Each structure stands twice: as structure tokens, then as C-alpha cells.
Amino acid sequence: MTPLRLLTESSTTDSTGSKITEPAAKQLNALQRWWSNIDWEAIAGSAIQKGLMLLFLLLLFAILFKVGDFLVDRSYRSYQKRDRANEGRVRTIHTLMRNVVHYTLGFFFVYSVLSTLGVPVGSLLAGAGIAGLAIGLGAQGFMNDIITGFFIILEQQVDVGDYVVLQNLGIEGTVIAVGIRTLELRSLNGTVHFIPNRNITTISNNSRADMQVIVDVRILPAEGLDKIREVVEKSNSRLAELEQQKITTPPVVFGLVDIGGGNYVIRTTFYAVNGSQGALKEEFLAAGIDALTEAGFTIPTGPVTAPLK
């Protein structure tokens, strides 16, 4: 006779020997039947099976994480050797790819664990899809920033140190940071602009090739255009020898240019190493003015009534 049955039989009488109530006896009998009907062997077998399956999933995804990191790091080292000049962009792509691999494997790991435990993943995903849709609508701008930033980095549209013009925003400056969400520019006056990537539509990069330099010196053509041209050519040749490391094509005197309102200039054009065009333009302009002044020519100082062409 089991202890539970003894308890049942002894509980039917109190200390005075009288019978206990009938409902209490029925509850004890139901508890006894429930306990005896439990298939402990099946529960133990299922627990062992799911435990082994979870252990297998843990080892499998640990290996997949290691393999994913190895492949991403190997690609990073290979690309780093080919593009040492753009270390910042390479690191950004490396971090982005690692995160993509981790998040993807993490999602499938959680999905596999929940499925093994018998959780209705399909119903959870349906509910999560509705919540994700609501969150996605609110975070649409954020996702646009990330996607646009990814392609800006991947396509090498800009690098740190480039001087760029954002045509649609009317902002220009030197790139100081290229992020997955924002682009940072420093203007000539020192202002730092943080531009969300989704607002960038057209980038004019002024740092990818040699830049053209146009130098206009105002003159009076009546004083002798041929002589003026000769003086300017000598001044340009002398200065070009001093700045030959920055100048990629020899200075050429284009000739007389009418800038409107009875104003004329003698124009010089050449190409220079990117980043040096501003300083070279000032040097050639100052040298041209000094050379013409020393030769006795007049440099008009009146206001220009029409914009330069």
C-alpha cells in the first residue's frame, strides 16, 4: 500500500473517529491518479533529446561565428593591402560586415533554439512583424541614412581629407569623417557640418584629380596687348619653376577676356595638384600684378560691373 493511499484512508476519519467530508477525499484521489499517470520516462527522454539538440546548436553556431569572423577578417586584410590610403573606409566596411554576419547568425540561432523548445515561432514572428512595421515606419529615415552611407563608403565616393561640394544642400568643405549615418564636413571658416546621409543626393568631389587654375589680371588693352602678354608669360614661367612640384601642366596665357562693362583681363590657365590650387592662384595673380606694375602698365582698380565669366 502506497503512502499516498494510506494518507487517503487515514484522512477519512478525524481524531474522534468520525468521517471527513466527501469532496476532500475526491481531491486526494484525483491527485493520486494524476501523479500515477505521469509518464516520467517520456519526460526524461524528451528532456535529454532537447538538451542534446541545444548542445548541438550551441556548438554549430559557435563554429559558424568563428568561420564568419575568419572570412570577414581575411577579406579585410586582403582589401587593406590593396587600399592602404583609405584606412578609415576599410575599417568602417570591416565593422559593418562583422555586424551583419553576427546579427544574421544570431537571428537563426534564436530561431533554432525556440523551435527546439517547442515555442510557436511562427506566431511570434507574425506579432513581431506587426510591431516591426510600426517601428520601421518611425525609423525609416534612420534606415535610409544607413543604406545611403553604406553605398557612399562602398563606392568610395568620398574619403577623409577630400574637399567636396554637396550640390543640393549648398554646403562645401573638407571631409573629416565618413560615417554609416552621417557625413562630417569642415567649412573654410571652421564650421563643422553633420549631414544625415539621406539628405545627400549629389556629391562633387574636388579632390580626385588635378584641378584647373584660372588667373585673371585686369589690364587696359590700349596700353599694348602684345607687351602685356610677354610680361605675364615671363612672370608665369619664373613662378612655375619655383612651384614645379605642384604644377602638373605648364601655365598658358589664354589671352584677352572681356568680363563685361568695359573691363578686360589677361587670363592664364594651368592644372595643379589637388589642394594647392587656391594658394597657386593667389601667387600667380600677385606675381602678374607686380610684374605689370614694374613694367609701367596700369592695373584698373575700379569696380567690376559684370560677373567674371
C-alpha atoms as a PDB file:
ATOM      1  CA  MET A   1       0.000   0.000   0.000  1.00  0.00           C
ATOM      2  CA  THR A   2       1.455   3.363  -1.029  1.00  0.00           C
ATOM      3  CA  PRO A   3       1.930   6.250   1.402  1.00  0.00           C
ATOM      4  CA  LEU A   4      -0.478   8.365  -0.623  1.00  0.00           C
ATOM      5  CA  ARG A   5      -3.210   5.683  -0.265  1.00  0.00           C
ATOM      6  CA  LEU A   6      -2.521   5.392   3.473  1.00  0.00           C
ATOM      7  CA  LEU A   7      -2.873   9.138   3.703  1.00  0.00           C
ATOM      8  CA  THR A   8      -6.168   8.901   1.847  1.00  0.00           C
ATOM      9  CA  GLU A   9      -7.534   6.175   4.082  1.00  0.00           C
ATOM     10  CA  SER A  10      -6.331   7.797   7.309  1.00  0.00           C
ATOM     11  CA  SER A  11      -7.706  11.118   6.273  1.00  0.00           C
ATOM     12  CA  THR A  12     -11.252   9.829   6.078  1.00  0.00           C
ATOM     13  CA  THR A  13     -11.560   9.943   9.889  1.00  0.00           C
ATOM     14  CA  ASP A  14     -10.762  12.647  12.393  1.00  0.00           C
ATOM     15  CA  SER A  15      -9.366  12.331  15.951  1.00  0.00           C
ATOM     16  CA  THR A  16     -12.741  11.308  17.298  1.00  0.00           C
ATOM     17  CA  GLY A  17     -13.112   8.644  14.627  1.00  0.00           C
ATOM     18  CA  SER A  18     -15.743  10.471  12.568  1.00  0.00           C
ATOM     19  CA  LYS A  19     -15.681  10.550   8.720  1.00  0.00           C
ATOM     20  CA  ILE A  20     -14.204  13.616   6.817  1.00  0.00           C
ATOM     21  CA  THR A  21     -16.117  15.357   4.040  1.00  0.00           C
ATOM     22  CA  GLU A  22     -16.548  13.614   0.686  1.00  0.00           C
ATOM     23  CA  PRO A  23     -15.052  16.454  -1.527  1.00  0.00           C
ATOM     24  CA  ALA A  24     -11.696  16.275   0.275  1.00  0.00           C
ATOM     25  CA  ALA A  25     -11.458  12.561  -0.384  1.00  0.00           C
ATOM     26  CA  LYS A  26     -12.236  13.058  -4.089  1.00  0.00           C
ATOM     27  CA  GLN A  27      -9.467  15.682  -4.406  1.00  0.00           C
ATOM     28  CA  LEU A  28      -6.936  13.341  -2.889  1.00  0.00           C
ATOM     29  CA  ASN A  29      -7.980  10.550  -5.239  1.00  0.00           C
ATOM     30  CA  ALA A  30      -7.687  12.863  -8.283  1.00  0.00           C
ATOM     31  CA  LEU A  31      -4.187  13.910  -7.192  1.00  0.00           C
ATOM     32  CA  GLN A  32      -3.213  10.274  -6.830  1.00  0.00           C
ATOM     33  CA  ARG A  33      -4.477   9.397 -10.309  1.00  0.00           C
ATOM     34  CA  TRP A  34      -2.708  12.416 -11.874  1.00  0.00           C
ATOM     35  CA  TRP A  35       0.584  11.537 -10.225  1.00  0.00           C
ATOM     36  CA  SER A  36       0.415   7.914 -11.267  1.00  0.00           C
ATOM     37  CA  ASN A  37      -0.488   8.796 -14.892  1.00  0.00           C
ATOM     38  CA  ILE A  38       2.635  10.916 -15.475  1.00  0.00           C
ATOM     39  CA  ASP A  39       4.997   9.237 -17.958  1.00  0.00           C
ATOM     40  CA  TRP A  40       8.295  10.095 -16.314  1.00  0.00           C
ATOM     41  CA  GLU A  41      10.270   8.041 -18.815  1.00  0.00           C
ATOM     42  CA  ALA A  42       8.874  10.037 -21.750  1.00  0.00           C
ATOM     43  CA  ILE A  43       9.583  13.349 -19.978  1.00  0.00           C
ATOM     44  CA  ALA A  44      13.145  12.302 -19.197  1.00  0.00           C
ATOM     45  CA  GLY A  45      13.680  11.118 -22.764  1.00  0.00           C
ATOM     46  CA  SER A  46      12.319  14.363 -24.234  1.00  0.00           C
ATOM     47  CA  ALA A  47      14.460  16.469 -21.884  1.00  0.00           C
ATOM     48  CA  ILE A  48      17.595  14.527 -22.832  1.00  0.00           C
ATOM     49  CA  GLN A  49      16.769  14.797 -26.528  1.00  0.00           C
ATOM     50  CA  LYS A  50      16.175  18.569 -26.389  1.00  0.00           C
ATOM     51  CA  GLY A  51      19.251  19.071 -24.226  1.00  0.00           C
ATOM     52  CA  LEU A  52      21.420  17.258 -26.739  1.00  0.00           C
ATOM     53  CA  MET A  53      19.835  19.233 -29.569  1.00  0.00           C
ATOM     54  CA  LEU A  54      20.521  22.542 -27.782  1.00  0.00           C
ATOM     55  CA  LEU A  55      24.109  21.485 -27.150  1.00  0.00           C
ATOM     56  CA  PHE A  56      24.482  20.616 -30.834  1.00  0.00           C
ATOM     57  CA  LEU A  57      23.030  24.001 -31.890  1.00  0.00           C
ATOM     58  CA  LEU A  58      25.354  25.804 -29.483  1.00  0.00           C
ATOM     59  CA  LEU A  59      28.431  24.076 -30.907  1.00  0.00           C
ATOM     60  CA  LEU A  60      27.233  24.505 -34.506  1.00  0.00           C
ATOM     61  CA  PHE A  61      26.622  28.250 -34.254  1.00  0.00           C
ATOM     62  CA  ALA A  62      29.828  28.774 -32.268  1.00  0.00           C
ATOM     63  CA  ILE A  63      31.692  27.244 -35.206  1.00  0.00           C
ATOM     64  CA  LEU A  64      29.678  29.332 -37.693  1.00  0.00           C
ATOM     65  CA  PHE A  65      30.505  32.523 -35.769  1.00  0.00           C
ATOM     66  CA  LYS A  66      34.202  31.643 -35.826  1.00  0.00           C
ATOM     67  CA  VAL A  67      34.109  30.843 -39.538  1.00  0.00           C
ATOM     68  CA  GLY A  68      32.186  34.051 -40.320  1.00  0.00           C
ATOM     69  CA  ASP A  69      34.673  36.200 -38.371  1.00  0.00           C
ATOM     70  CA  PHE A  70      37.583  34.431 -40.054  1.00  0.00           C
ATOM     71  CA  LEU A  71      36.219  35.080 -43.549  1.00  0.00           C
ATOM     72  CA  VAL A  72      35.408  38.729 -42.790  1.00  0.00           C
ATOM     73  CA  ASP A  73      38.830  39.349 -41.205  1.00  0.00           C
ATOM     74  CA  ARG A  74      40.564  37.641 -44.114  1.00  0.00           C
ATOM     75  CA  SER A  75      38.706  39.824 -46.607  1.00  0.00           C
ATOM     76  CA  TYR A  76      39.557  42.886 -44.513  1.00  0.00           C
ATOM     77  CA  ARG A  77      43.281  42.106 -44.505  1.00  0.00           C
ATOM     78  CA  SER A  78      43.262  41.427 -48.231  1.00  0.00           C
ATOM     79  CA  TYR A  79      41.420  44.662 -49.027  1.00  0.00           C
ATOM     80  CA  GLN A  80      43.591  46.602 -46.581  1.00  0.00           C
ATOM     81  CA  LYS A  81      46.724  45.630 -48.513  1.00  0.00           C
ATOM     82  CA  ARG A  82      45.213  46.925 -51.758  1.00  0.00           C
ATOM     83  CA  ASP A  83      43.821  50.168 -50.319  1.00  0.00           C
ATOM     84  CA  ARG A  84      46.158  51.408 -47.614  1.00  0.00           C
ATOM     85  CA  ALA A  85      45.365  55.052 -48.396  1.00  0.00           C
ATOM     86  CA  ASN A  86      41.763  54.742 -47.188  1.00  0.00           C
ATOM     87  CA  GLU A  87      42.171  53.007 -43.845  1.00  0.00           C
ATOM     88  CA  GLY A  88      39.103  54.710 -42.338  1.00  0.00           C
ATOM     89  CA  ARG A  89      36.750  53.465 -45.033  1.00  0.00           C
ATOM     90  CA  VAL A  90      38.211  49.945 -44.906  1.00  0.00           C
ATOM     91  CA  ARG A  91      37.703  49.779 -41.113  1.00  0.00           C
ATOM     92  CA  THR A  92      34.123  51.001 -41.473  1.00  0.00           C
ATOM     93  CA  ILE A  93      33.304  48.310 -44.045  1.00  0.00           C
ATOM     94  CA  HIS A  94      35.015  45.692 -41.853  1.00  0.00           C
ATOM     95  CA  THR A  95      32.928  46.617 -38.806  1.00  0.00           C
ATOM     96  CA  LEU A  96      29.741  46.746 -40.863  1.00  0.00           C
ATOM     97  CA  MET A  97      30.294  43.283 -42.366  1.00  0.00           C
ATOM     98  CA  ARG A  98      31.082  41.754 -38.956  1.00  0.00           C
ATOM     99  CA  ASN A  99      27.852  43.175 -37.555  1.00  0.00           C
ATOM    100  CA  VAL A 100      25.841  41.834 -40.495  1.00  0.00           C
ATOM    101  CA  VAL A 101      27.283  38.332 -40.007  1.00  0.00           C
ATOM    102  CA  HIS A 102      26.710  38.401 -36.226  1.00  0.00           C
ATOM    103  CA  TYR A 103      23.135  39.668 -36.444  1.00  0.00           C
ATOM    104  CA  THR A 104      22.202  37.172 -39.156  1.00  0.00           C
ATOM    105  CA  LEU A 105      23.657  34.165 -37.329  1.00  0.00           C
ATOM    106  CA  GLY A 106      22.214  35.402 -34.037  1.00  0.00           C
ATOM    107  CA  PHE A 107      18.725  35.546 -35.530  1.00  0.00           C
ATOM    108  CA  PHE A 108      18.908  31.977 -36.859  1.00  0.00           C
ATOM    109  CA  PHE A 109      20.386  30.748 -33.549  1.00  0.00           C
ATOM    110  CA  VAL A 110      17.494  32.184 -31.522  1.00  0.00           C
ATOM    111  CA  TYR A 111      15.004  30.841 -34.063  1.00  0.00           C
ATOM    112  CA  SER A 112      16.513  27.338 -33.834  1.00  0.00           C
ATOM    113  CA  VAL A 113      16.563  27.353 -30.025  1.00  0.00           C
ATOM    114  CA  LEU A 114      12.933  28.447 -29.753  1.00  0.00           C
ATOM    115  CA  SER A 115      11.848  25.858 -32.327  1.00  0.00           C
ATOM    116  CA  THR A 116      13.680  23.128 -30.406  1.00  0.00           C
ATOM    117  CA  LEU A 117      11.958  24.145 -27.149  1.00  0.00           C
ATOM    118  CA  GLY A 118       8.583  23.973 -28.882  1.00  0.00           C
ATOM    119  CA  VAL A 119       7.856  27.700 -28.850  1.00  0.00           C
ATOM    120  CA  PRO A 120       5.440  28.729 -31.667  1.00  0.00           C
ATOM    121  CA  VAL A 121       7.959  30.833 -33.549  1.00  0.00           C
ATOM    122  CA  GLY A 122       5.586  31.445 -36.464  1.00  0.00           C
ATOM    123  CA  SER A 123       3.057  33.183 -34.228  1.00  0.00           C
ATOM    124  CA  LEU A 124       5.795  35.210 -32.552  1.00  0.00           C
ATOM    125  CA  LEU A 125       7.175  36.310 -35.912  1.00  0.00           C
ATOM    126  CA  ALA A 126       3.720  37.368 -37.062  1.00  0.00           C
ATOM    127  CA  GLY A 127       3.319  39.541 -33.991  1.00  0.00           C
ATOM    128  CA  ALA A 128       6.857  40.822 -34.292  1.00  0.00           C
ATOM    129  CA  GLY A 129       6.201  41.659 -37.933  1.00  0.00           C
ATOM    130  CA  ILE A 130       3.359  43.980 -36.980  1.00  0.00           C
ATOM    131  CA  ALA A 131       5.461  45.634 -34.286  1.00  0.00           C
ATOM    132  CA  GLY A 132       8.445  45.801 -36.676  1.00  0.00           C
ATOM    133  CA  LEU A 133       6.302  47.506 -39.293  1.00  0.00           C
ATOM    134  CA  ALA A 134       5.285  50.192 -36.823  1.00  0.00           C
ATOM    135  CA  ILE A 135       8.887  50.680 -35.689  1.00  0.00           C
ATOM    136  CA  GLY A 136      10.126  50.615 -39.282  1.00  0.00           C
ATOM    137  CA  LEU A 137       7.802  53.432 -40.292  1.00  0.00           C
ATOM    138  CA  GLY A 138       9.163  55.533 -37.449  1.00  0.00           C
ATOM    139  CA  ALA A 139      12.779  54.607 -38.195  1.00  0.00           C
ATOM    140  CA  GLN A 140      12.527  54.980 -41.962  1.00  0.00           C
ATOM    141  CA  GLY A 141      14.866  57.974 -42.020  1.00  0.00           C
ATOM    142  CA  PHE A 142      17.408  56.161 -39.879  1.00  0.00           C
ATOM    143  CA  MET A 143      17.428  53.166 -42.217  1.00  0.00           C
ATOM    144  CA  ASN A 144      17.792  55.470 -45.233  1.00  0.00           C
ATOM    145  CA  ASP A 145      20.843  57.013 -43.562  1.00  0.00           C
ATOM    146  CA  ILE A 146      22.428  53.598 -43.055  1.00  0.00           C
ATOM    147  CA  ILE A 147      21.720  52.327 -46.572  1.00  0.00           C
ATOM    148  CA  THR A 148      22.937  55.538 -48.228  1.00  0.00           C
ATOM    149  CA  GLY A 149      26.019  55.645 -46.005  1.00  0.00           C
ATOM    150  CA  PHE A 150      26.839  52.040 -46.858  1.00  0.00           C
ATOM    151  CA  PHE A 151      26.891  52.788 -50.596  1.00  0.00           C
ATOM    152  CA  ILE A 152      28.842  56.044 -50.101  1.00  0.00           C
ATOM    153  CA  ILE A 153      31.531  54.042 -48.311  1.00  0.00           C
ATOM    154  CA  LEU A 154      31.379  51.012 -50.589  1.00  0.00           C
ATOM    155  CA  GLU A 155      31.568  53.057 -53.802  1.00  0.00           C
ATOM    156  CA  GLN A 156      34.392  55.240 -52.398  1.00  0.00           C
ATOM    157  CA  GLN A 157      32.553  58.435 -53.250  1.00  0.00           C
ATOM    158  CA  VAL A 158      34.456  60.426 -50.606  1.00  0.00           C
ATOM    159  CA  ASP A 159      37.442  59.938 -48.326  1.00  0.00           C
ATOM    160  CA  VAL A 160      38.650  61.753 -45.242  1.00  0.00           C
ATOM    161  CA  GLY A 161      40.554  64.828 -46.381  1.00  0.00           C
ATOM    162  CA  ASP A 162      38.630  65.312 -49.640  1.00  0.00           C
ATOM    163  CA  TYR A 163      37.187  68.719 -50.427  1.00  0.00           C
ATOM    164  CA  VAL A 164      33.599  68.179 -51.566  1.00  0.00           C
ATOM    165  CA  VAL A 165      30.542  70.210 -52.513  1.00  0.00           C
ATOM    166  CA  LEU A 166      27.052  68.925 -51.682  1.00  0.00           C
ATOM    167  CA  GLN A 167      25.205  70.488 -54.584  1.00  0.00           C
ATOM    168  CA  ASN A 168      21.638  70.015 -53.334  1.00  0.00           C
ATOM    169  CA  LEU A 169      22.440  71.439 -49.880  1.00  0.00           C
ATOM    170  CA  GLY A 170      24.801  74.218 -50.901  1.00  0.00           C
ATOM    171  CA  ILE A 171      27.396  73.033 -48.345  1.00  0.00           C
ATOM    172  CA  GLU A 172      31.075  72.561 -49.095  1.00  0.00           C
ATOM    173  CA  GLY A 173      34.137  71.756 -47.069  1.00  0.00           C
ATOM    174  CA  THR A 174      36.767  69.187 -46.159  1.00  0.00           C
ATOM    175  CA  VAL A 175      35.585  65.725 -45.146  1.00  0.00           C
ATOM    176  CA  ILE A 176      36.648  64.961 -41.575  1.00  0.00           C
ATOM    177  CA  ALA A 177      34.590  61.781 -41.013  1.00  0.00           C
ATOM    178  CA  VAL A 178      32.643  59.335 -43.160  1.00  0.00           C
ATOM    179  CA  GLY A 179      30.091  57.505 -41.040  1.00  0.00           C
ATOM    180  CA  ILE A 180      27.416  54.942 -41.687  1.00  0.00           C
ATOM    181  CA  ARG A 181      24.763  57.503 -40.645  1.00  0.00           C
ATOM    182  CA  THR A 182      26.284  60.959 -41.129  1.00  0.00           C
ATOM    183  CA  LEU A 183      28.942  62.776 -43.145  1.00  0.00           C
ATOM    184  CA  GLU A 184      31.033  65.403 -41.350  1.00  0.00           C
ATOM    185  CA  LEU A 185      32.410  68.402 -43.238  1.00  0.00           C
ATOM    186  CA  ARG A 186      34.518  71.327 -42.049  1.00  0.00           C
ATOM    187  CA  SER A 187      33.958  74.566 -43.980  1.00  0.00           C
ATOM    188  CA  LEU A 188      36.707  77.069 -44.708  1.00  0.00           C
ATOM    189  CA  ASN A 189      35.581  79.208 -41.749  1.00  0.00           C
ATOM    190  CA  GLY A 190      35.919  76.241 -39.379  1.00  0.00           C
ATOM    191  CA  THR A 191      32.235  75.356 -39.091  1.00  0.00           C
ATOM    192  CA  VAL A 192      31.660  71.597 -38.761  1.00  0.00           C
ATOM    193  CA  HIS A 193      28.566  70.290 -40.548  1.00  0.00           C
ATOM    194  CA  PHE A 194      26.907  66.968 -39.622  1.00  0.00           C
ATOM    195  CA  ILE A 195      24.839  65.926 -42.641  1.00  0.00           C
ATOM    196  CA  PRO A 196      22.499  62.897 -42.488  1.00  0.00           C
ATOM    197  CA  ASN A 197      23.363  60.619 -45.387  1.00  0.00           C
ATOM    198  CA  ARG A 198      19.767  60.503 -46.633  1.00  0.00           C
ATOM    199  CA  ASN A 199      19.953  64.230 -47.446  1.00  0.00           C
ATOM    200  CA  ILE A 200      22.943  63.745 -49.758  1.00  0.00           C
ATOM    201  CA  THR A 201      21.953  63.398 -53.407  1.00  0.00           C
ATOM    202  CA  THR A 202      24.836  64.888 -55.418  1.00  0.00           C
ATOM    203  CA  ILE A 203      28.475  64.956 -54.278  1.00  0.00           C
ATOM    204  CA  SER A 204      31.017  66.981 -56.234  1.00  0.00           C
ATOM    205  CA  ASN A 205      34.436  65.723 -55.140  1.00  0.00           C
ATOM    206  CA  ASN A 206      37.183  68.255 -55.865  1.00  0.00           C
ATOM    207  CA  SER A 207      39.982  66.016 -54.610  1.00  0.00           C
ATOM    208  CA  ARG A 208      40.099  63.138 -57.058  1.00  0.00           C
ATOM    209  CA  ALA A 209      42.096  64.722 -59.902  1.00  0.00           C
ATOM    210  CA  ASP A 210      44.292  67.683 -60.785  1.00  0.00           C
ATOM    211  CA  MET A 211      42.411  70.965 -60.514  1.00  0.00           C
ATOM    212  CA  GLN A 212      42.331  73.750 -63.087  1.00  0.00           C
ATOM    213  CA  VAL A 213      43.653  77.118 -62.002  1.00  0.00           C
ATOM    214  CA  ILE A 214      42.395  80.267 -63.739  1.00  0.00           C
ATOM    215  CA  VAL A 215      44.263  83.502 -63.064  1.00  0.00           C
ATOM    216  CA  ASP A 216      42.752  86.764 -64.353  1.00  0.00           C
ATOM    217  CA  VAL A 217      44.759  90.005 -64.181  1.00  0.00           C
ATOM    218  CA  ARG A 218      42.856  93.169 -65.060  1.00  0.00           C
ATOM    219  CA  ILE A 219      44.512  95.299 -67.741  1.00  0.00           C
ATOM    220  CA  LEU A 220      43.963  98.173 -70.179  1.00  0.00           C
ATOM    221  CA  PRO A 221      44.303  96.655 -73.687  1.00  0.00           C
ATOM    222  CA  ALA A 222      45.093 100.059 -75.173  1.00  0.00           C
ATOM    223  CA  GLU A 223      48.491 100.023 -73.448  1.00  0.00           C
ATOM    224  CA  GLY A 224      49.710  97.248 -75.768  1.00  0.00           C
ATOM    225  CA  LEU A 225      48.333  93.744 -75.548  1.00  0.00           C
ATOM    226  CA  ASP A 226      51.423  92.031 -77.011  1.00  0.00           C
ATOM    227  CA  LYS A 227      53.758  93.628 -74.496  1.00  0.00           C
ATOM    228  CA  ILE A 228      51.384  92.830 -71.623  1.00  0.00           C
ATOM    229  CA  ARG A 229      51.230  89.208 -72.752  1.00  0.00           C
ATOM    230  CA  GLU A 230      55.018  88.982 -72.857  1.00  0.00           C
ATOM    231  CA  VAL A 231      55.388  90.344 -69.314  1.00  0.00           C
ATOM    232  CA  VAL A 232      52.766  87.941 -67.955  1.00  0.00           C
ATOM    233  CA  GLU A 233      54.360  84.941 -69.689  1.00  0.00           C
ATOM    234  CA  LYS A 234      57.755  85.748 -68.180  1.00  0.00           C
ATOM    235  CA  SER A 235      56.214  86.117 -64.736  1.00  0.00           C
ATOM    236  CA  ASN A 236      54.362  82.808 -65.110  1.00  0.00           C
ATOM    237  CA  SER A 237      57.487  80.934 -66.290  1.00  0.00           C
ATOM    238  CA  ARG A 238      59.557  82.256 -63.406  1.00  0.00           C
ATOM    239  CA  LEU A 239      56.959  81.260 -60.802  1.00  0.00           C
ATOM    240  CA  ALA A 240      56.275  77.884 -62.457  1.00  0.00           C
ATOM    241  CA  GLU A 241      59.931  76.886 -61.952  1.00  0.00           C
ATOM    242  CA  LEU A 242      59.599  77.568 -58.231  1.00  0.00           C
ATOM    243  CA  GLU A 243      56.326  75.629 -57.910  1.00  0.00           C
ATOM    244  CA  GLN A 244      57.031  72.834 -60.390  1.00  0.00           C
ATOM    245  CA  GLN A 245      56.177  70.111 -57.841  1.00  0.00           C
ATOM    246  CA  LYS A 246      52.636  71.462 -57.513  1.00  0.00           C
ATOM    247  CA  ILE A 247      52.008  72.367 -61.157  1.00  0.00           C
ATOM    248  CA  THR A 248      51.125  69.440 -63.435  1.00  0.00           C
ATOM    249  CA  THR A 249      50.746  71.359 -66.732  1.00  0.00           C
ATOM    250  CA  PRO A 250      52.695  74.475 -67.777  1.00  0.00           C
ATOM    251  CA  PRO A 251      50.887  77.824 -67.407  1.00  0.00           C
ATOM    252  CA  VAL A 252      49.386  79.016 -70.691  1.00  0.00           C
ATOM    253  CA  VAL A 253      48.294  82.587 -71.375  1.00  0.00           C
ATOM    254  CA  PHE A 254      44.831  82.140 -72.791  1.00  0.00           C
ATOM    255  CA  GLY A 255      44.646  85.734 -73.934  1.00  0.00           C
ATOM    256  CA  LEU A 256      42.348  88.709 -73.579  1.00  0.00           C
ATOM    257  CA  VAL A 257      38.940  88.092 -71.948  1.00  0.00           C
ATOM    258  CA  ASP A 258      36.083  90.585 -71.800  1.00  0.00           C
ATOM    259  CA  ILE A 259      34.403  90.369 -68.404  1.00  0.00           C
ATOM    260  CA  GLY A 260      31.763  92.963 -69.252  1.00  0.00           C
ATOM    261  CA  GLY A 261      31.215  96.625 -68.507  1.00  0.00           C
ATOM    262  CA  GLY A 262      34.345  97.706 -70.362  1.00  0.00           C
ATOM    263  CA  ASN A 263      36.553  95.509 -68.136  1.00  0.00           C
ATOM    264  CA  TYR A 264      39.233  93.242 -69.600  1.00  0.00           C
ATOM    265  CA  VAL A 265      41.614  90.666 -68.138  1.00  0.00           C
ATOM    266  CA  ILE A 266      44.597  88.710 -69.372  1.00  0.00           C
ATOM    267  CA  ARG A 267      43.861  85.094 -68.461  1.00  0.00           C
ATOM    268  CA  THR A 268      46.313  82.313 -67.554  1.00  0.00           C
ATOM    269  CA  THR A 269      45.264  78.683 -67.147  1.00  0.00           C
ATOM    270  CA  PHE A 270      47.056  75.571 -65.904  1.00  0.00           C
ATOM    271  CA  TYR A 271      46.454  72.439 -63.819  1.00  0.00           C
ATOM    272  CA  ALA A 272      47.815  71.865 -60.332  1.00  0.00           C
ATOM    273  CA  VAL A 273      47.930  69.140 -57.704  1.00  0.00           C
ATOM    274  CA  ASN A 274      44.642  68.948 -55.878  1.00  0.00           C
ATOM    275  CA  GLY A 275      44.587  71.054 -52.744  1.00  0.00           C
ATOM    276  CA  SER A 276      47.195  73.556 -53.935  1.00  0.00           C
ATOM    277  CA  GLN A 277      45.039  75.426 -56.472  1.00  0.00           C
ATOM    278  CA  GLY A 278      43.951  78.192 -54.098  1.00  0.00           C
ATOM    279  CA  ALA A 279      47.436  79.162 -52.971  1.00  0.00           C
ATOM    280  CA  LEU A 280      48.837  78.955 -56.517  1.00  0.00           C
ATOM    281  CA  LYS A 281      46.096  81.187 -57.871  1.00  0.00           C
ATOM    282  CA  GLU A 282      46.956  83.856 -55.306  1.00  0.00           C
ATOM    283  CA  GLU A 283      50.686  83.564 -56.049  1.00  0.00           C
ATOM    284  CA  PHE A 284      50.279  83.858 -59.835  1.00  0.00           C
ATOM    285  CA  LEU A 285      47.826  86.737 -59.505  1.00  0.00           C
ATOM    286  CA  ALA A 286      50.113  88.694 -57.186  1.00  0.00           C
ATOM    287  CA  ALA A 287      53.182  87.955 -59.366  1.00  0.00           C
ATOM    288  CA  GLY A 288      51.344  89.059 -62.521  1.00  0.00           C
ATOM    289  CA  ILE A 289      50.169  92.302 -60.970  1.00  0.00           C
ATOM    290  CA  ASP A 290      53.664  93.075 -59.620  1.00  0.00           C
ATOM    291  CA  ALA A 291      55.320  92.317 -62.971  1.00  0.00           C
ATOM    292  CA  LEU A 292      52.899  94.546 -64.947  1.00  0.00           C
ATOM    293  CA  THR A 293      53.202  97.352 -62.403  1.00  0.00           C
ATOM    294  CA  GLU A 294      57.012  97.252 -62.555  1.00  0.00           C
ATOM    295  CA  ALA A 295      56.832  97.330 -66.373  1.00  0.00           C
ATOM    296  CA  GLY A 296      54.780 100.558 -66.189  1.00  0.00           C
ATOM    297  CA  PHE A 297      51.341  99.150 -67.066  1.00  0.00           C
ATOM    298  CA  THR A 298      48.144 100.244 -65.371  1.00  0.00           C
ATOM    299  CA  ILE A 299      46.122  97.837 -63.243  1.00  0.00           C
ATOM    300  CA  PRO A 300      42.482  99.041 -63.141  1.00  0.00           C
ATOM    301  CA  THR A 301      41.067  99.237 -59.629  1.00  0.00           C
ATOM    302  CA  GLY A 302      37.515 100.366 -60.391  1.00  0.00           C
ATOM    303  CA  PRO A 303      34.528  98.164 -59.557  1.00  0.00           C
ATOM    304  CA  VAL A 304      33.666  95.325 -61.925  1.00  0.00           C
ATOM    305  CA  THR A 305      30.111  95.874 -63.077  1.00  0.00           C
ATOM    306  CA  ALA A 306      29.610  92.388 -64.519  1.00  0.00           C
ATOM    307  CA  PRO A 307      30.401  88.939 -63.082  1.00  0.00           C
ATOM    308  CA  LEU A 308      33.508  87.104 -64.207  1.00  0.00           C
ATOM    309  CA  LYS A 309      32.899  84.560 -66.962  1.00  0.00           C
END
